[in-house]
All heavy atoms as atom14 arrays in JSON, in Angstrom:
{
  "sequence": "GFETFDGDLLWYGTNYSREEIIKRFANYKMTYDFRTDYGYN",
  "atom14_mask": [
    [1, 1, 1, 1, 0, 0, 0, 0, 0, 0, 0, 0, 0, 0],
    [1, 1, 1, 1, 1, 1, 1, 1, 1, 1, 1, 0, 0, 0],
    [1, 1, 1, 1, 1, 1, 1, 1, 1, 0, 0, 0, 0, 0],
    [1, 1, 1, 1, 1, 1, 1, 0, 0, 0, 0, 0, 0, 0],
    [1, 1, 1, 1, 1, 1, 1, 1, 1, 1, 1, 0, 0, 0],
    [1, 1, 1, 1, 1, 1, 1, 1, 0, 0, 0, 0, 0, 0],
    [1, 1, 1, 1, 0, 0, 0, 0, 0, 0, 0, 0, 0, 0],
    [1, 1, 1, 1, 1, 1, 1, 1, 0, 0, 0, 0, 0, 0],
    [1, 1, 1, 1, 1, 1, 1, 1, 0, 0, 0, 0, 0, 0],
    [1, 1, 1, 1, 1, 1, 1, 1, 0, 0, 0, 0, 0, 0],
    [1, 1, 1, 1, 1, 1, 1, 1, 1, 1, 1, 1, 1, 1],
    [1, 1, 1, 1, 1, 1, 1, 1, 1, 1, 1, 1, 0, 0],
    [1, 1, 1, 1, 0, 0, 0, 0, 0, 0, 0, 0, 0, 0],
    [1, 1, 1, 1, 1, 1, 1, 0, 0, 0, 0, 0, 0, 0],
    [1, 1, 1, 1, 1, 1, 1, 1, 0, 0, 0, 0, 0, 0],
    [1, 1, 1, 1, 1, 1, 1, 1, 1, 1, 1, 1, 0, 0],
    [1, 1, 1, 1, 1, 1, 0, 0, 0, 0, 0, 0, 0, 0],
    [1, 1, 1, 1, 1, 1, 1, 1, 1, 1, 1, 0, 0, 0],
    [1, 1, 1, 1, 1, 1, 1, 1, 1, 0, 0, 0, 0, 0],
    [1, 1, 1, 1, 1, 1, 1, 1, 1, 0, 0, 0, 0, 0],
    [1, 1, 1, 1, 1, 1, 1, 1, 0, 0, 0, 0, 0, 0],
    [1, 1, 1, 1, 1, 1, 1, 1, 0, 0, 0, 0, 0, 0],
    [1, 1, 1, 1, 1, 1, 1, 1, 1, 0, 0, 0, 0, 0],
    [1, 1, 1, 1, 1, 1, 1, 1, 1, 1, 1, 0, 0, 0],
    [1, 1, 1, 1, 1, 1, 1, 1, 1, 1, 1, 0, 0, 0],
    [1, 1, 1, 1, 1, 0, 0, 0, 0, 0, 0, 0, 0, 0],
    [1, 1, 1, 1, 1, 1, 1, 1, 0, 0, 0, 0, 0, 0],
    [1, 1, 1, 1, 1, 1, 1, 1, 1, 1, 1, 1, 0, 0],
    [1, 1, 1, 1, 1, 1, 1, 1, 1, 0, 0, 0, 0, 0],
    [1, 1, 1, 1, 1, 1, 1, 1, 0, 0, 0, 0, 0, 0],
    [1, 1, 1, 1, 1, 1, 1, 0, 0, 0, 0, 0, 0, 0],
    [1, 1, 1, 1, 1, 1, 1, 1, 1, 1, 1, 1, 0, 0],
    [1, 1, 1, 1, 1, 1, 1, 1, 0, 0, 0, 0, 0, 0],
    [1, 1, 1, 1, 1, 1, 1, 1, 1, 1, 1, 0, 0, 0],
    [1, 1, 1, 1, 1, 1, 1, 1, 1, 1, 1, 0, 0, 0],
    [1, 1, 1, 1, 1, 1, 1, 0, 0, 0, 0, 0, 0, 0],
    [1, 1, 1, 1, 1, 1, 1, 1, 0, 0, 0, 0, 0, 0],
    [1, 1, 1, 1, 1, 1, 1, 1, 1, 1, 1, 1, 0, 0],
    [1, 1, 1, 1, 0, 0, 0, 0, 0, 0, 0, 0, 0, 0],
    [1, 1, 1, 1, 1, 1, 1, 1, 1, 1, 1, 1, 0, 0],
    [1, 1, 1, 1, 1, 1, 1, 1, 0, 0, 0, 0, 0, 0]
  ],
  "atom14_positions": [
    [[-13.63, 3.37, -10.18], [-14.58, 2.26, -10.07], [-13.89, 0.92, -9.91], [-14.56, -0.12, -9.83], [0.0, 0.0, 0.0], [0.0, 0.0, 0.0], [0.0, 0.0, 0.0], [0.0, 0.0, 0.0], [0.0, 0.0, 0.0], [0.0, 0.0, 0.0], [0.0, 0.0, 0.0], [0.0, 0.0, 0.0], [0.0, 0.0, 0.0], [0.0, 0.0, 0.0]],
    [[-12.55, 0.92, -9.85], [-11.79, -0.32, -9.67], [-11.26, -0.4, -8.26], [-11.03, 0.62, -7.6], [-10.64, -0.39, -10.68], [-11.1, -0.52, -12.1], [-11.24, 0.6, -12.91], [-11.42, -1.76, -12.63], [-11.68, 0.49, -14.22], [-11.87, -1.89, -13.93], [-12.0, -0.75, -14.73], [0.0, 0.0, 0.0], [0.0, 0.0, 0.0], [0.0, 0.0, 0.0]],
    [[-11.03, -1.62, -7.8], [-10.47, -1.83, -6.47], [-8.98, -1.53, -6.46], [-8.32, -1.52, -7.5], [-10.68, -3.28, -6.02], [-12.04, -3.54, -5.42], [-12.09, -4.88, -4.7], [-11.24, -5.74, -4.96], [-13.0, -5.05, -3.87], [0.0, 0.0, 0.0], [0.0, 0.0, 0.0], [0.0, 0.0, 0.0], [0.0, 0.0, 0.0], [0.0, 0.0, 0.0]],
    [[-8.45, -1.32, -5.26], [-7.03, -1.08, -5.09], [-6.22, -2.22, -5.7], [-6.48, -3.4, -5.44], [-6.7, -0.93, -3.6], [-7.31, 0.28, -3.12], [-5.19, -0.85, -3.36], [0.0, 0.0, 0.0], [0.0, 0.0, 0.0], [0.0, 0.0, 0.0], [0.0, 0.0, 0.0], [0.0, 0.0, 0.0], [0.0, 0.0, 0.0], [0.0, 0.0, 0.0]],
    [[-5.25, -1.84, -6.54], [-4.29, -2.74, -7.2], [-4.92, -3.62, -8.28], [-4.24, -4.52, -8.8], [-3.56, -3.63, -6.18], [-2.81, -2.87, -5.13], [-2.74, -3.34, -3.82], [-2.16, -1.68, -5.43], [-2.04, -2.63, -2.85], [-1.45, -0.97, -4.46], [-1.4, -1.45, -3.17], [0.0, 0.0, 0.0], [0.0, 0.0, 0.0], [0.0, 0.0, 0.0]],
    [[-6.15, -3.36, -8.67], [-6.73, -4.11, -9.79], [-5.83, -3.98, -11.02], [-5.45, -2.88, -11.42], [-8.13, -3.57, -10.14], [-9.23, -4.23, -9.34], [-8.93, -5.17, -8.58], [-10.4, -3.81, -9.47], [0.0, 0.0, 0.0], [0.0, 0.0, 0.0], [0.0, 0.0, 0.0], [0.0, 0.0, 0.0], [0.0, 0.0, 0.0], [0.0, 0.0, 0.0]],
    [[-5.51, -5.12, -11.64], [-4.76, -5.13, -12.89], [-3.26, -5.01, -12.76], [-2.55, -4.98, -13.77], [0.0, 0.0, 0.0], [0.0, 0.0, 0.0], [0.0, 0.0, 0.0], [0.0, 0.0, 0.0], [0.0, 0.0, 0.0], [0.0, 0.0, 0.0], [0.0, 0.0, 0.0], [0.0, 0.0, 0.0], [0.0, 0.0, 0.0], [0.0, 0.0, 0.0]],
    [[-2.72, -4.98, -11.53], [-1.28, -4.75, -11.37], [-0.42, -5.85, -11.99], [0.72, -5.58, -12.39], [-0.93, -4.61, -9.88], [-1.08, -3.18, -9.39], [-1.5, -2.32, -10.19], [-0.79, -2.93, -8.21], [0.0, 0.0, 0.0], [0.0, 0.0, 0.0], [0.0, 0.0, 0.0], [0.0, 0.0, 0.0], [0.0, 0.0, 0.0], [0.0, 0.0, 0.0]],
    [[-0.93, -7.07, -12.07], [-0.12, -8.13, -12.65], [0.03, -7.97, -14.17], [0.77, -8.73, -14.8], [-0.72, -9.51, -12.35], [-0.81, -9.89, -10.87], [-1.21, -11.35, -10.72], [0.5, -9.63, -10.15], [0.0, 0.0, 0.0], [0.0, 0.0, 0.0], [0.0, 0.0, 0.0], [0.0, 0.0, 0.0], [0.0, 0.0, 0.0], [0.0, 0.0, 0.0]],
    [[-0.61, -6.96, -14.73], [-0.39, -6.67, -16.14], [0.96, -5.99, -16.37], [1.57, -6.16, -17.43], [-1.51, -5.75, -16.67], [-2.8, -6.44, -17.07], [-3.9, -5.43, -17.3], [-2.57, -7.28, -18.33], [0.0, 0.0, 0.0], [0.0, 0.0, 0.0], [0.0, 0.0, 0.0], [0.0, 0.0, 0.0], [0.0, 0.0, 0.0], [0.0, 0.0, 0.0]],
    [[1.42, -5.22, -15.39], [2.71, -4.54, -15.59], [3.83, -5.12, -14.74], [4.98, -5.12, -15.16], [2.58, -3.04, -15.32], [2.12, -2.65, -13.94], [0.85, -2.42, -13.54], [2.94, -2.43, -12.77], [0.8, -2.08, -12.21], [2.08, -2.07, -11.71], [4.31, -2.5, -12.52], [2.55, -1.8, -10.43], [4.78, -2.22, -11.24], [3.9, -1.88, -10.22]],
    [[3.51, -5.63, -13.56], [4.56, -6.12, -12.68], [5.2, -7.39, -13.25], [4.56, -8.42, -13.37], [4.01, -6.41, -11.27], [5.07, -7.01, -10.37], [6.1, -6.21, -9.86], [5.08, -8.36, -10.09], [7.09, -6.76, -9.06], [6.07, -8.92, -9.3], [7.07, -8.11, -8.79], [8.06, -8.66, -8.02], [0.0, 0.0, 0.0], [0.0, 0.0, 0.0]],
    [[6.47, -7.27, -13.63], [7.22, -8.44, -14.09], [6.89, -8.9, -15.49], [7.36, -9.95, -15.92], [0.0, 0.0, 0.0], [0.0, 0.0, 0.0], [0.0, 0.0, 0.0], [0.0, 0.0, 0.0], [0.0, 0.0, 0.0], [0.0, 0.0, 0.0], [0.0, 0.0, 0.0], [0.0, 0.0, 0.0], [0.0, 0.0, 0.0], [0.0, 0.0, 0.0]],
    [[6.08, -8.15, -16.25], [5.73, -8.57, -17.61], [6.52, -7.76, -18.63], [7.14, -6.74, -18.32], [4.24, -8.37, -17.91], [3.96, -6.97, -18.13], [3.36, -8.87, -16.77], [0.0, 0.0, 0.0], [0.0, 0.0, 0.0], [0.0, 0.0, 0.0], [0.0, 0.0, 0.0], [0.0, 0.0, 0.0], [0.0, 0.0, 0.0], [0.0, 0.0, 0.0]],
    [[6.46, -8.23, -19.88], [7.07, -7.47, -20.97], [6.0, -6.79, -21.81], [6.27, -6.36, -22.93], [7.93, -8.4, -21.85], [7.14, -9.59, -22.39], [5.92, -9.65, -22.25], [7.83, -10.54, -23.0], [0.0, 0.0, 0.0], [0.0, 0.0, 0.0], [0.0, 0.0, 0.0], [0.0, 0.0, 0.0], [0.0, 0.0, 0.0], [0.0, 0.0, 0.0]],
    [[4.78, -6.65, -21.28], [3.74, -5.94, -22.0], [4.09, -4.45, -22.09], [4.53, -3.85, -21.11], [2.38, -6.07, -21.28], [1.8, -7.47, -21.25], [1.07, -7.9, -20.14], [1.98, -8.35, -22.3], [0.52, -9.18, -20.1], [1.43, -9.63, -22.26], [0.71, -10.04, -21.16], [0.17, -11.31, -21.12], [0.0, 0.0, 0.0], [0.0, 0.0, 0.0]],
    [[3.86, -3.86, -23.25], [4.05, -2.42, -23.41], [2.93, -1.69, -22.67], [1.91, -2.29, -22.31], [4.02, -2.04, -24.88], [2.7, -2.21, -25.41], [0.0, 0.0, 0.0], [0.0, 0.0, 0.0], [0.0, 0.0, 0.0], [0.0, 0.0, 0.0], [0.0, 0.0, 0.0], [0.0, 0.0, 0.0], [0.0, 0.0, 0.0], [0.0, 0.0, 0.0]],
    [[3.1, -0.39, -22.47], [2.05, 0.38, -21.79], [0.75, 0.35, -22.58], [-0.34, 0.24, -22.0], [2.52, 1.82, -21.58], [3.69, 1.93, -20.63], [4.31, 3.32, -20.63], [5.62, 3.28, -19.99], [6.5, 4.25, -20.04], [6.23, 5.36, -20.7], [7.67, 4.14, -19.44], [0.0, 0.0, 0.0], [0.0, 0.0, 0.0], [0.0, 0.0, 0.0]],
    [[0.85, 0.44, -23.9], [-0.37, 0.4, -24.72], [-1.07, -0.95, -24.59], [-2.3, -1.0, -24.46], [-0.03, 0.68, -26.19], [-1.27, 0.68, -27.08], [-0.99, 1.12, -28.52], [0.01, 1.84, -28.74], [-1.77, 0.74, -29.41], [0.0, 0.0, 0.0], [0.0, 0.0, 0.0], [0.0, 0.0, 0.0], [0.0, 0.0, 0.0], [0.0, 0.0, 0.0]],
    [[-0.3, -2.03, -24.58], [-0.92, -3.35, -24.45], [-1.54, -3.53, -23.07], [-2.6, -4.15, -22.93], [0.1, -4.46, -24.72], [-0.54, -5.84, -24.7], [0.38, -6.95, -25.19], [1.55, -6.67, -25.5], [-0.09, -8.11, -25.25], [0.0, 0.0, 0.0], [0.0, 0.0, 0.0], [0.0, 0.0, 0.0], [0.0, 0.0, 0.0], [0.0, 0.0, 0.0]],
    [[-0.88, -3.0, -22.04], [-1.43, -3.05, -20.68], [-2.8, -2.38, -20.65], [-3.77, -2.92, -20.11], [-0.48, -2.36, -19.68], [0.77, -3.21, -19.48], [-1.18, -2.11, -18.35], [1.9, -2.48, -18.76], [0.0, 0.0, 0.0], [0.0, 0.0, 0.0], [0.0, 0.0, 0.0], [0.0, 0.0, 0.0], [0.0, 0.0, 0.0], [0.0, 0.0, 0.0]],
    [[-2.88, -1.19, -21.24], [-4.14, -0.43, -21.26], [-5.21, -1.18, -22.05], [-6.38, -1.26, -21.63], [-3.9, 0.97, -21.84], [-2.95, 1.76, -20.93], [-5.22, 1.73, -22.01], [-2.4, 3.04, -21.54], [0.0, 0.0, 0.0], [0.0, 0.0, 0.0], [0.0, 0.0, 0.0], [0.0, 0.0, 0.0], [0.0, 0.0, 0.0], [0.0, 0.0, 0.0]],
    [[-4.83, -1.75, -23.18], [-5.8, -2.48, -24.0], [-6.29, -3.75, -23.29], [-7.48, -4.08, -23.34], [-5.18, -2.83, -25.35], [-5.03, -1.63, -26.28], [-4.41, -2.02, -27.61], [-4.36, -0.85, -28.58], [-3.7, -1.21, -29.86], [0.0, 0.0, 0.0], [0.0, 0.0, 0.0], [0.0, 0.0, 0.0], [0.0, 0.0, 0.0], [0.0, 0.0, 0.0]],
    [[-5.39, -4.47, -22.62], [-5.79, -5.68, -21.91], [-6.68, -5.35, -20.73], [-7.61, -6.1, -20.4], [-4.54, -6.45, -21.44], [-3.86, -7.23, -22.54], [-2.68, -8.03, -22.02], [-2.17, -8.94, -23.02], [-2.64, -10.16, -23.28], [-3.66, -10.62, -22.57], [-2.13, -10.92, -24.21], [0.0, 0.0, 0.0], [0.0, 0.0, 0.0], [0.0, 0.0, 0.0]],
    [[-6.42, -4.22, -20.1], [-7.21, -3.83, -18.92], [-8.66, -3.55, -19.29], [-9.54, -3.56, -18.42], [-6.58, -2.6, -18.26], [-7.16, -2.28, -16.9], [-6.94, -3.13, -15.83], [-7.92, -1.15, -16.7], [-7.47, -2.86, -14.58], [-8.46, -0.85, -15.45], [-8.23, -1.71, -14.39], [0.0, 0.0, 0.0], [0.0, 0.0, 0.0], [0.0, 0.0, 0.0]],
    [[-8.93, -3.35, -20.57], [-10.3, -3.1, -21.03], [-11.23, -4.27, -20.7], [-12.45, -4.11, -20.64], [-10.31, -2.84, -22.54], [0.0, 0.0, 0.0], [0.0, 0.0, 0.0], [0.0, 0.0, 0.0], [0.0, 0.0, 0.0], [0.0, 0.0, 0.0], [0.0, 0.0, 0.0], [0.0, 0.0, 0.0], [0.0, 0.0, 0.0], [0.0, 0.0, 0.0]],
    [[-10.66, -5.44, -20.46], [-11.47, -6.62, -20.14], [-11.68, -6.82, -18.64], [-12.36, -7.76, -18.22], [-10.8, -7.87, -20.72], [-10.75, -7.87, -22.23], [-11.78, -7.87, -22.89], [-9.55, -7.83, -22.79], [0.0, 0.0, 0.0], [0.0, 0.0, 0.0], [0.0, 0.0, 0.0], [0.0, 0.0, 0.0], [0.0, 0.0, 0.0], [0.0, 0.0, 0.0]],
    [[-11.09, -5.95, -17.83], [-11.17, -6.11, -16.37], [-12.51, -5.58, -15.86], [-12.9, -4.46, -16.16], [-10.02, -5.35, -15.7], [-9.58, -5.94, -14.39], [-8.41, -6.67, -14.3], [-10.34, -5.78, -13.24], [-7.99, -7.22, -13.09], [-9.95, -6.32, -12.03], [-8.77, -7.04, -11.96], [-8.38, -7.58, -10.77], [0.0, 0.0, 0.0], [0.0, 0.0, 0.0]],
    [[-13.2, -6.39, -15.07], [-14.51, -6.0, -14.56], [-14.39, -4.96, -13.45], [-13.53, -5.06, -12.58], [-15.27, -7.23, -14.03], [-15.55, -8.28, -15.09], [-16.41, -7.76, -16.22], [-16.69, -8.84, -17.25], [-17.45, -8.32, -18.41], [0.0, 0.0, 0.0], [0.0, 0.0, 0.0], [0.0, 0.0, 0.0], [0.0, 0.0, 0.0], [0.0, 0.0, 0.0]],
    [[-15.26, -3.97, -13.47], [-15.27, -2.92, -12.46], [-15.91, -3.45, -11.17], [-16.8, -4.28, -11.2], [-16.01, -1.69, -12.96], [-15.37, -1.05, -14.17], [-16.3, 0.36, -14.81], [-16.07, 1.52, -13.46], [0.0, 0.0, 0.0], [0.0, 0.0, 0.0], [0.0, 0.0, 0.0], [0.0, 0.0, 0.0], [0.0, 0.0, 0.0], [0.0, 0.0, 0.0]],
    [[-15.44, -2.93, -10.04], [-15.94, -3.35, -8.73], [-16.99, -2.4, -8.2], [-18.02, -2.82, -7.67], [-14.77, -3.42, -7.72], [-13.77, -4.29, -8.25], [-15.25, -3.94, -6.37], [0.0, 0.0, 0.0], [0.0, 0.0, 0.0], [0.0, 0.0, 0.0], [0.0, 0.0, 0.0], [0.0, 0.0, 0.0], [0.0, 0.0, 0.0], [0.0, 0.0, 0.0]],
    [[-16.72, -1.1, -8.32], [-17.61, -0.07, -7.77], [-18.31, 0.69, -8.89], [-17.95, 0.58, -10.06], [-16.81, 0.95, -6.95], [-15.88, 0.38, -5.91], [-14.52, 0.63, -5.96], [-16.37, -0.4, -4.87], [-13.65, 0.12, -5.0], [-15.51, -0.92, -3.9], [-14.15, -0.65, -3.98], [-13.31, -1.16, -3.03], [0.0, 0.0, 0.0], [0.0, 0.0, 0.0]],
    [[-19.3, 1.49, -8.5], [-19.87, 2.43, -9.45], [-18.86, 3.55, -9.67], [-18.14, 3.97, -8.75], [-21.18, 3.01, -8.92], [-22.31, 2.0, -8.92], [-22.24, 1.06, -9.74], [-23.24, 2.13, -8.11], [0.0, 0.0, 0.0], [0.0, 0.0, 0.0], [0.0, 0.0, 0.0], [0.0, 0.0, 0.0], [0.0, 0.0, 0.0], [0.0, 0.0, 0.0]],
    [[-18.82, 4.05, -10.86], [-17.9, 5.12, -11.26], [-18.05, 6.34, -10.35], [-19.15, 6.78, -10.05], [-18.21, 5.48, -12.71], [-17.34, 6.52, -13.34], [-15.97, 6.55, -13.12], [-17.9, 7.46, -14.2], [-15.17, 7.51, -13.72], [-17.11, 8.42, -14.81], [-15.75, 8.44, -14.57], [0.0, 0.0, 0.0], [0.0, 0.0, 0.0], [0.0, 0.0, 0.0]],
    [[-16.93, 6.85, -9.85], [-16.85, 8.07, -9.04], [-17.55, 7.97, -7.68], [-17.91, 9.0, -7.12], [-17.4, 9.28, -9.81], [-16.59, 9.68, -11.04], [-17.21, 10.86, -11.77], [-16.49, 11.19, -13.0], [-17.04, 11.79, -14.05], [-18.32, 12.13, -14.01], [-16.31, 12.05, -15.11], [0.0, 0.0, 0.0], [0.0, 0.0, 0.0], [0.0, 0.0, 0.0]],
    [[-17.72, 6.78, -7.19], [-18.42, 6.65, -5.9], [-17.5, 6.21, -4.77], [-17.75, 6.55, -3.61], [-19.58, 5.64, -5.98], [-19.05, 4.36, -6.37], [-20.63, 6.09, -6.98], [0.0, 0.0, 0.0], [0.0, 0.0, 0.0], [0.0, 0.0, 0.0], [0.0, 0.0, 0.0], [0.0, 0.0, 0.0], [0.0, 0.0, 0.0], [0.0, 0.0, 0.0]],
    [[-16.46, 5.44, -5.08], [-15.59, 4.89, -4.05], [-14.12, 5.06, -4.42], [-13.76, 5.1, -5.6], [-15.86, 3.4, -3.83], [-17.15, 3.16, -3.07], [-17.14, 3.27, -1.83], [-18.18, 2.88, -3.74], [0.0, 0.0, 0.0], [0.0, 0.0, 0.0], [0.0, 0.0, 0.0], [0.0, 0.0, 0.0], [0.0, 0.0, 0.0], [0.0, 0.0, 0.0]],
    [[-13.3, 5.11, -3.38], [-11.85, 5.17, -3.57], [-11.3, 3.79, -3.89], [-11.66, 2.8, -3.26], [-11.2, 5.7, -2.28], [-9.71, 5.45, -2.18], [-8.81, 6.28, -2.85], [-9.21, 4.38, -1.44], [-7.44, 6.05, -2.77], [-7.85, 4.15, -1.34], [-6.97, 4.99, -2.02], [-5.62, 4.76, -1.93], [0.0, 0.0, 0.0], [0.0, 0.0, 0.0]],
    [[-10.45, 3.73, -4.89], [-9.73, 2.5, -5.22], [-8.4, 2.88, -5.85], [-8.35, 3.5, -6.92], [0.0, 0.0, 0.0], [0.0, 0.0, 0.0], [0.0, 0.0, 0.0], [0.0, 0.0, 0.0], [0.0, 0.0, 0.0], [0.0, 0.0, 0.0], [0.0, 0.0, 0.0], [0.0, 0.0, 0.0], [0.0, 0.0, 0.0], [0.0, 0.0, 0.0]],
    [[-7.32, 2.56, -5.16], [-5.97, 2.97, -5.6], [-5.57, 2.14, -6.81], [-5.37, 0.94, -6.71], [-4.99, 2.76, -4.45], [-3.59, 3.25, -4.7], [-3.23, 4.55, -4.36], [-2.64, 2.43, -5.28], [-1.94, 5.01, -4.58], [-1.35, 2.87, -5.5], [-1.01, 4.16, -5.15], [0.28, 4.61, -5.37], [0.0, 0.0, 0.0], [0.0, 0.0, 0.0]],
    [[-5.47, 2.79, -7.98], [-5.26, 2.04, -9.2], [-4.08, 2.56, -10.01], [-4.1, 3.68, -10.52], [-6.53, 2.06, -10.06], [-6.45, 1.07, -11.2], [-5.91, 1.38, -12.25], [-6.95, -0.14, -10.98], [0.0, 0.0, 0.0], [0.0, 0.0, 0.0], [0.0, 0.0, 0.0], [0.0, 0.0, 0.0], [0.0, 0.0, 0.0], [0.0, 0.0, 0.0]]
  ]
}
């Protein structure tokens, strides 16, 4: 349900741990309806 590359700036070049990346991504708004469209994430 997310667009291609949504949230990538959470890991690229940051010192966030994987767990923190996942927790922060919880605030990211979805673009598509779940399971309806392709989005490389």
